[in-house]
Amino acid sequence: MRRFVMMVIGSAVTVLLLVAPAAAQQYPPEPGAGPAGEARGGGDLALTGSDVLPLLWLGLAALVLGTVLVFAARRRAAVRTRARRVGQAIA
């Protein structure tokens, strides 16, 4: 239980450290907001950034697949152990 609590605390600290700089800024910035004296061009600029949704789905699929494989391996091990015990009891 202690290991689990430490893992949760460590994960929370890591997330806070990574999110703090992004949360400190307003995104997307308001029109006209910028350093004083900055020359602003006319027209709107495109909002740039990357699409992380495919990577999120890939990570989620990997997590689900790993969980299924762990449960399957544990179930197979339990069935083998039970079969050995039954075989030894018969003999």
N, C-alpha and C. Protein backbone atom coordinates (compact mmCIF):
# COMPACT_ATOMS: atom_id res chain seq x y z
N MET A 1 0.83 -1.19 0.00
CA MET A 1 0.00 0.00 0.00
C MET A 1 0.87 1.26 0.00
N ARG A 2 1.97 1.19 0.75
CA ARG A 2 2.87 2.34 0.83
C ARG A 2 3.47 2.64 -0.54
N ARG A 3 3.82 1.59 -1.28
CA ARG A 3 4.40 1.76 -2.61
C ARG A 3 3.39 2.44 -3.54
N PHE A 4 2.13 2.03 -3.44
CA PHE A 4 1.09 2.61 -4.27
C PHE A 4 0.90 4.09 -3.96
N VAL A 5 0.89 4.44 -2.68
CA VAL A 5 0.72 5.84 -2.28
C VAL A 5 1.89 6.67 -2.78
N MET A 6 3.09 6.15 -2.67
CA MET A 6 4.27 6.87 -3.15
C MET A 6 4.22 7.05 -4.66
N MET A 7 3.73 6.05 -5.38
CA MET A 7 3.61 6.15 -6.83
C MET A 7 2.59 7.23 -7.20
N VAL A 8 1.47 7.28 -6.51
CA VAL A 8 0.44 8.29 -6.78
C VAL A 8 0.97 9.69 -6.49
N ILE A 9 1.67 9.85 -5.38
CA ILE A 9 2.23 11.15 -5.04
C ILE A 9 3.28 11.57 -6.06
N GLY A 10 4.14 10.65 -6.45
CA GLY A 10 5.15 10.96 -7.46
C GLY A 10 4.54 11.33 -8.78
N SER A 11 3.48 10.63 -9.18
CA SER A 11 2.80 10.95 -10.44
C SER A 11 2.15 12.33 -10.36
N ALA A 12 1.53 12.63 -9.24
CA ALA A 12 0.88 13.93 -9.09
C ALA A 12 1.91 15.07 -9.15
N VAL A 13 3.04 14.88 -8.50
CA VAL A 13 4.09 15.92 -8.51
C VAL A 13 4.61 16.10 -9.93
N THR A 14 4.82 15.00 -10.64
CA THR A 14 5.31 15.08 -12.02
C THR A 14 4.32 15.82 -12.90
N VAL A 15 3.05 15.49 -12.78
CA VAL A 15 2.03 16.17 -13.58
C VAL A 15 1.99 17.65 -13.25
N LEU A 16 2.05 17.99 -11.98
CA LEU A 16 2.02 19.41 -11.60
C LEU A 16 3.23 20.16 -12.13
N LEU A 17 4.40 19.53 -12.12
CA LEU A 17 5.59 20.19 -12.64
C LEU A 17 5.51 20.40 -14.14
N LEU A 18 4.90 19.46 -14.85
CA LEU A 18 4.79 19.59 -16.29
C LEU A 18 3.67 20.52 -16.72
N VAL A 19 2.62 20.62 -15.92
CA VAL A 19 1.45 21.42 -16.29
C VAL A 19 1.59 22.87 -15.84
N ALA A 20 2.36 23.13 -14.82
CA ALA A 20 2.45 24.48 -14.26
C ALA A 20 2.83 25.53 -15.29
N PRO A 21 3.87 25.33 -16.12
CA PRO A 21 4.20 26.37 -17.09
C PRO A 21 3.07 26.61 -18.10
N ALA A 22 2.41 25.56 -18.52
CA ALA A 22 1.33 25.72 -19.49
C ALA A 22 0.11 26.40 -18.85
N ALA A 23 -0.15 26.10 -17.61
CA ALA A 23 -1.30 26.69 -16.93
C ALA A 23 -1.05 28.15 -16.57
N ALA A 24 0.21 28.56 -16.50
CA ALA A 24 0.54 29.93 -16.14
C ALA A 24 0.25 30.90 -17.28
N GLN A 25 0.17 30.39 -18.50
CA GLN A 25 -0.08 31.24 -19.65
C GLN A 25 -1.52 31.06 -20.12
N GLN A 26 -2.04 32.08 -20.71
CA GLN A 26 -3.37 31.96 -21.28
C GLN A 26 -3.20 31.51 -22.72
N TYR A 27 -3.86 30.43 -23.10
CA TYR A 27 -3.71 29.91 -24.45
C TYR A 27 -5.07 29.61 -25.02
N PRO A 28 -5.43 30.02 -26.15
CA PRO A 28 -4.68 30.89 -27.05
C PRO A 28 -4.68 32.32 -26.53
N PRO A 29 -3.64 33.07 -26.83
CA PRO A 29 -3.57 34.45 -26.31
C PRO A 29 -4.66 35.32 -26.90
N GLU A 30 -5.02 36.33 -26.16
CA GLU A 30 -6.05 37.26 -26.62
C GLU A 30 -5.50 38.09 -27.78
N PRO A 31 -6.36 38.46 -28.72
CA PRO A 31 -5.88 39.30 -29.84
C PRO A 31 -5.33 40.62 -29.32
N GLY A 32 -4.19 41.01 -29.84
CA GLY A 32 -3.58 42.28 -29.44
C GLY A 32 -2.70 42.15 -28.22
N ALA A 33 -2.73 41.01 -27.54
CA ALA A 33 -1.88 40.83 -26.37
C ALA A 33 -0.48 40.50 -26.83
N GLY A 34 0.47 41.18 -26.30
CA GLY A 34 1.85 40.93 -26.67
C GLY A 34 2.74 41.94 -25.99
N PRO A 35 4.03 41.81 -26.17
CA PRO A 35 4.95 42.77 -25.56
C PRO A 35 4.70 44.18 -26.08
N ALA A 36 4.93 45.16 -25.24
CA ALA A 36 4.71 46.56 -25.63
C ALA A 36 5.68 46.93 -26.74
N GLY A 37 5.19 47.68 -27.71
CA GLY A 37 6.04 48.14 -28.81
C GLY A 37 6.25 47.09 -29.89
N GLU A 38 5.58 45.97 -29.80
CA GLU A 38 5.75 44.93 -30.80
C GLU A 38 4.95 45.30 -32.04
N ALA A 39 5.56 45.15 -33.19
CA ALA A 39 4.87 45.44 -34.44
C ALA A 39 3.91 44.29 -34.73
N ARG A 40 2.65 44.61 -34.88
CA ARG A 40 1.63 43.59 -35.15
C ARG A 40 1.25 43.66 -36.62
N GLY A 41 1.27 42.52 -37.27
CA GLY A 41 0.85 42.48 -38.67
C GLY A 41 -0.66 42.43 -38.76
N GLY A 42 -1.17 42.75 -39.92
CA GLY A 42 -2.61 42.68 -40.11
C GLY A 42 -3.04 41.25 -40.38
N GLY A 43 -4.26 40.93 -40.06
CA GLY A 43 -4.80 39.60 -40.33
C GLY A 43 -4.56 38.66 -39.15
N ASP A 44 -5.23 37.54 -39.25
CA ASP A 44 -5.13 36.54 -38.18
C ASP A 44 -4.07 35.50 -38.53
N LEU A 45 -3.38 35.06 -37.54
CA LEU A 45 -2.42 33.97 -37.72
C LEU A 45 -3.11 32.66 -37.36
N ALA A 46 -2.65 31.62 -37.97
CA ALA A 46 -3.21 30.30 -37.68
C ALA A 46 -2.79 29.85 -36.29
N LEU A 47 -3.68 29.15 -35.62
CA LEU A 47 -3.38 28.57 -34.32
C LEU A 47 -2.57 27.30 -34.56
N THR A 48 -1.34 27.30 -34.13
CA THR A 48 -0.48 26.14 -34.39
C THR A 48 -0.44 25.24 -33.17
N GLY A 49 -0.06 24.02 -33.40
CA GLY A 49 0.04 23.04 -32.33
C GLY A 49 -0.02 21.66 -32.92
N SER A 50 0.20 20.69 -32.09
CA SER A 50 0.16 19.32 -32.59
C SER A 50 -1.10 18.63 -32.11
N ASP A 51 -1.49 17.60 -32.84
CA ASP A 51 -2.66 16.82 -32.49
C ASP A 51 -2.18 15.61 -31.70
N VAL A 52 -2.46 15.58 -30.41
CA VAL A 52 -1.98 14.50 -29.55
C VAL A 52 -3.01 13.39 -29.36
N LEU A 53 -4.19 13.56 -29.95
CA LEU A 53 -5.24 12.57 -29.77
C LEU A 53 -4.84 11.18 -30.27
N PRO A 54 -4.21 11.04 -31.45
CA PRO A 54 -3.79 9.69 -31.87
C PRO A 54 -2.80 9.05 -30.89
N LEU A 55 -1.90 9.84 -30.35
CA LEU A 55 -0.94 9.32 -29.38
C LEU A 55 -1.65 8.90 -28.09
N LEU A 56 -2.66 9.66 -27.70
CA LEU A 56 -3.45 9.31 -26.52
C LEU A 56 -4.16 7.97 -26.72
N TRP A 57 -4.78 7.78 -27.89
CA TRP A 57 -5.47 6.52 -28.18
C TRP A 57 -4.48 5.35 -28.21
N LEU A 58 -3.30 5.58 -28.79
CA LEU A 58 -2.29 4.53 -28.83
C LEU A 58 -1.84 4.14 -27.42
N GLY A 59 -1.63 5.12 -26.57
CA GLY A 59 -1.25 4.84 -25.19
C GLY A 59 -2.35 4.11 -24.43
N LEU A 60 -3.59 4.51 -24.65
CA LEU A 60 -4.71 3.84 -24.00
C LEU A 60 -4.85 2.40 -24.46
N ALA A 61 -4.66 2.17 -25.77
CA ALA A 61 -4.71 0.81 -26.30
C ALA A 61 -3.59 -0.05 -25.72
N ALA A 62 -2.40 0.52 -25.59
CA ALA A 62 -1.28 -0.21 -25.00
C ALA A 62 -1.56 -0.56 -23.54
N LEU A 63 -2.16 0.36 -22.81
CA LEU A 63 -2.50 0.12 -21.42
C LEU A 63 -3.53 -1.01 -21.29
N VAL A 64 -4.56 -0.97 -22.11
CA VAL A 64 -5.60 -2.01 -22.07
C VAL A 64 -5.01 -3.36 -22.47
N LEU A 65 -4.20 -3.37 -23.53
CA LEU A 65 -3.57 -4.63 -23.96
C LEU A 65 -2.67 -5.20 -22.88
N GLY A 66 -1.89 -4.37 -22.25
CA GLY A 66 -1.02 -4.83 -21.16
C GLY A 66 -1.81 -5.39 -19.99
N THR A 67 -2.90 -4.72 -19.64
CA THR A 67 -3.74 -5.21 -18.55
C THR A 67 -4.35 -6.56 -18.88
N VAL A 68 -4.84 -6.72 -20.10
CA VAL A 68 -5.42 -8.00 -20.52
C VAL A 68 -4.37 -9.09 -20.50
N LEU A 69 -3.17 -8.80 -20.98
CA LEU A 69 -2.11 -9.81 -20.98
C LEU A 69 -1.71 -10.23 -19.57
N VAL A 70 -1.65 -9.28 -18.65
CA VAL A 70 -1.30 -9.62 -17.26
C VAL A 70 -2.38 -10.51 -16.65
N PHE A 71 -3.64 -10.14 -16.83
CA PHE A 71 -4.72 -10.96 -16.28
C PHE A 71 -4.73 -12.36 -16.90
N ALA A 72 -4.48 -12.45 -18.21
CA ALA A 72 -4.46 -13.75 -18.87
C ALA A 72 -3.32 -14.61 -18.35
N ALA A 73 -2.15 -14.01 -18.16
CA ALA A 73 -1.00 -14.76 -17.65
C ALA A 73 -1.25 -15.25 -16.22
N ARG A 74 -1.84 -14.41 -15.41
CA ARG A 74 -2.13 -14.82 -14.03
C ARG A 74 -3.18 -15.92 -14.00
N ARG A 75 -4.16 -15.84 -14.87
CA ARG A 75 -5.20 -16.86 -14.91
C ARG A 75 -4.62 -18.20 -15.36
N ARG A 76 -3.77 -18.16 -16.40
CA ARG A 76 -3.14 -19.40 -16.87
C ARG A 76 -2.29 -20.03 -15.77
N ALA A 77 -1.55 -19.20 -15.04
CA ALA A 77 -0.71 -19.72 -13.96
C ALA A 77 -1.58 -20.34 -12.86
N ALA A 78 -2.70 -19.72 -12.55
CA ALA A 78 -3.58 -20.25 -11.52
C ALA A 78 -4.19 -21.58 -11.96
N VAL A 79 -4.58 -21.68 -13.23
CA VAL A 79 -5.16 -22.93 -13.74
C VAL A 79 -4.12 -24.04 -13.72
N ARG A 80 -2.89 -23.74 -14.10
CA ARG A 80 -1.82 -24.75 -14.08
C ARG A 80 -1.55 -25.23 -12.66
N THR A 81 -1.52 -24.29 -11.72
CA THR A 81 -1.28 -24.65 -10.32
C THR A 81 -2.41 -25.54 -9.80
N ARG A 82 -3.64 -25.20 -10.12
CA ARG A 82 -4.78 -26.00 -9.70
C ARG A 82 -4.73 -27.40 -10.32
N ALA A 83 -4.35 -27.47 -11.60
CA ALA A 83 -4.28 -28.77 -12.27
C ALA A 83 -3.20 -29.64 -11.65
N ARG A 84 -2.08 -29.05 -11.26
CA ARG A 84 -1.02 -29.83 -10.61
C ARG A 84 -1.50 -30.37 -9.26
N ARG A 85 -2.20 -29.54 -8.52
CA ARG A 85 -2.68 -29.98 -7.21
C ARG A 85 -3.68 -31.12 -7.35
N VAL A 86 -4.55 -31.01 -8.34
CA VAL A 86 -5.54 -32.07 -8.57
C VAL A 86 -4.82 -33.35 -9.00
N GLY A 87 -3.83 -33.23 -9.88
CA GLY A 87 -3.06 -34.38 -10.34
C GLY A 87 -2.31 -35.05 -9.21
N GLN A 88 -1.78 -34.27 -8.29
CA GLN A 88 -1.05 -34.83 -7.16
C GLN A 88 -2.02 -35.50 -6.18
N ALA A 89 -3.22 -34.94 -6.03
CA ALA A 89 -4.18 -35.52 -5.12
C ALA A 89 -4.69 -36.86 -5.65
N ILE A 90 -4.80 -36.99 -6.96
CA ILE A 90 -5.28 -38.24 -7.55
C ILE A 90 -4.22 -39.33 -7.42
N ALA A 91 -2.97 -38.94 -7.61
CA ALA A 91 -1.87 -39.94 -7.59
C ALA A 91 -1.55 -40.36 -6.21
